[in-house]
């Protein structure tokens, strides 16, 4: 008997930022290794104080903590998950395909803010 495991069932065993293998249970559940988590936290604090208000940084931090910003094969482009988990969008620090990102009202959607925070870590996927 051969058991086939679907990719969606298995947790991520590679860091979502640097693509290194993850072995610790805490790292696998977070989707990031300890070094990348520290870099993301540091970049979030630096980016938040420079570009965004405290309220504008809460959702991007949650998105990153939940592993909702997934690198694509293109450098600096991520697939981001909507707040309800029903849709995904292509996100870059300069633009996003979500409804808030396509309105053009001068505001930055939280997906773009998360991409900026992740890009500030020095490792654009």
Protein backbone atom coordinates (compact mmCIF):
# COMPACT_ATOMS: atom_id res chain seq x y z
CA UNK A 1 0.00 0.00 0.00
CA UNK A 2 1.36 3.39 -1.00
CA UNK A 3 0.34 6.44 0.98
CA UNK A 4 0.48 9.73 -0.88
CA UNK A 5 0.57 12.89 1.18
CA UNK A 6 -0.73 16.08 -0.38
CA UNK A 7 1.44 19.18 -0.14
CA UNK A 8 -1.38 21.14 1.49
CA UNK A 9 -1.46 18.66 4.39
CA UNK A 10 2.23 19.01 5.24
CA UNK A 11 3.44 22.13 7.05
CA UNK A 12 6.12 24.22 5.37
CA UNK A 13 9.51 22.66 6.01
CA UNK A 14 11.41 25.51 4.35
CA UNK A 15 11.72 29.07 5.58
CA UNK A 16 9.38 31.37 3.66
CA UNK A 17 12.07 34.05 3.59
CA UNK A 18 15.41 32.33 2.87
CA UNK A 19 14.18 28.86 1.78
CA UNK A 20 16.48 27.02 4.22
CA UNK A 21 15.24 23.81 5.75
CA UNK A 22 13.37 24.03 9.05
CA UNK A 23 13.72 21.37 11.72
CA UNK A 24 12.40 22.88 14.96
CA UNK A 25 8.67 22.52 15.55
CA UNK A 26 8.30 26.21 16.45
CA UNK A 27 10.02 27.25 13.21
CA UNK A 28 7.93 24.89 11.09
CA UNK A 29 4.70 26.18 12.62
CA UNK A 30 5.79 29.82 12.15
CA UNK A 31 7.09 29.26 8.62
CA UNK A 32 10.33 31.14 9.39
CA UNK A 33 13.59 30.18 11.05
CA UNK A 34 14.71 32.00 14.21
CA UNK A 35 17.14 34.27 12.35
CA UNK A 36 14.57 35.30 9.76
CA UNK A 37 11.94 35.90 12.45
CA UNK A 38 14.38 38.20 14.26
CA UNK A 39 15.19 40.07 11.03
CA UNK A 40 11.48 40.47 10.24
CA UNK A 41 10.76 41.80 13.75
CA UNK A 42 13.65 44.28 13.50
CA UNK A 43 12.62 45.42 10.03
CA UNK A 44 8.99 45.75 11.12
CA UNK A 45 9.97 48.05 13.95
CA UNK A 46 12.25 50.16 11.74
CA UNK A 47 9.78 50.33 8.85
CA UNK A 48 6.81 50.99 11.10
CA UNK A 49 8.39 53.95 12.79
CA UNK A 50 9.62 55.44 9.52
CA UNK A 51 6.73 54.96 7.10
CA UNK A 52 3.54 53.93 8.90
CA UNK A 53 1.47 54.69 11.95
CA UNK A 54 1.10 52.02 14.62
CA UNK A 55 -2.38 51.15 13.35
CA UNK A 56 -1.09 50.62 9.80
CA UNK A 57 1.53 48.11 10.97
CA UNK A 58 -0.67 45.77 13.01
CA UNK A 59 -2.20 43.90 10.05
CA UNK A 60 1.09 43.50 8.12
CA UNK A 61 2.72 42.06 11.24
CA UNK A 62 -0.17 39.61 11.62
CA UNK A 63 0.12 38.66 7.93
CA UNK A 64 3.83 37.93 8.33
CA UNK A 65 3.31 36.06 11.61
CA UNK A 66 0.67 33.87 9.97
CA UNK A 67 2.90 33.09 6.98
CA UNK A 68 0.43 34.81 4.66
CA UNK A 69 3.11 36.37 2.43
CA UNK A 70 4.57 33.66 0.19
CA UNK A 71 7.49 34.31 -2.16
CA UNK A 72 6.98 33.59 -5.85
CA UNK A 73 9.62 32.73 -8.42
CA UNK A 74 9.95 36.44 -9.28
CA UNK A 75 12.23 38.53 -7.07
CA UNK A 76 10.34 40.80 -4.69
CA UNK A 77 6.92 39.48 -5.74
CA UNK A 78 4.81 37.65 -3.17
CA UNK A 79 1.51 35.88 -3.10
CA UNK A 80 -0.47 37.33 -0.21
CA UNK A 81 -3.55 35.90 1.45
CA UNK A 82 -6.65 38.01 2.09
CA UNK A 83 -7.76 38.68 5.65
CA UNK A 84 -10.56 36.11 5.39
CA UNK A 85 -8.32 33.57 3.64
CA UNK A 86 -10.65 33.27 0.64
CA UNK A 87 -8.47 35.02 -1.96
CA UNK A 88 -4.82 35.53 -2.84
CA UNK A 89 -3.19 38.52 -4.49
CA UNK A 90 0.12 39.28 -6.17
CA UNK A 91 2.00 41.79 -4.07
CA UNK A 92 5.17 43.82 -4.54
CA UNK A 93 6.35 46.69 -2.39
CA UNK A 94 5.25 49.03 -5.21
CA UNK A 95 1.82 47.52 -5.94
CA UNK A 96 -0.81 44.94 -5.08
CA UNK A 97 -3.72 43.34 -6.93
CA UNK A 98 -6.06 43.45 -3.92
CA UNK A 99 -9.08 45.78 -4.07
CA UNK A 100 -7.44 48.32 -1.73
CA UNK A 101 -4.22 48.21 -3.75
CA UNK A 102 -5.96 48.87 -7.06
CA UNK A 103 -8.07 51.81 -5.90
CA UNK A 104 -5.25 54.30 -6.31
CA UNK A 105 -6.38 56.47 -3.41
CA UNK A 106 -2.83 57.09 -2.21
CA UNK A 107 -3.06 54.64 0.67
CA UNK A 108 -0.83 51.62 1.04
CA UNK A 109 -2.66 48.31 1.51
CA UNK A 110 -1.41 46.10 4.31
CA UNK A 111 -0.11 43.51 1.82
CA UNK A 112 2.27 46.13 0.37
CA UNK A 113 3.29 47.19 3.86
CA UNK A 114 4.12 43.55 4.69
CA UNK A 115 6.13 43.25 1.45
CA UNK A 116 8.06 46.39 2.43
CA UNK A 117 8.78 44.98 5.87
CA UNK A 118 9.93 41.67 4.41
CA UNK A 119 11.99 43.48 1.76
CA UNK A 120 13.65 45.58 4.48
CA UNK A 121 15.12 42.40 5.94
CA UNK A 122 17.60 42.39 3.07
CA UNK A 123 16.29 39.21 1.49
CA UNK A 124 13.82 39.78 -1.31
CA UNK A 125 12.58 36.38 -2.41
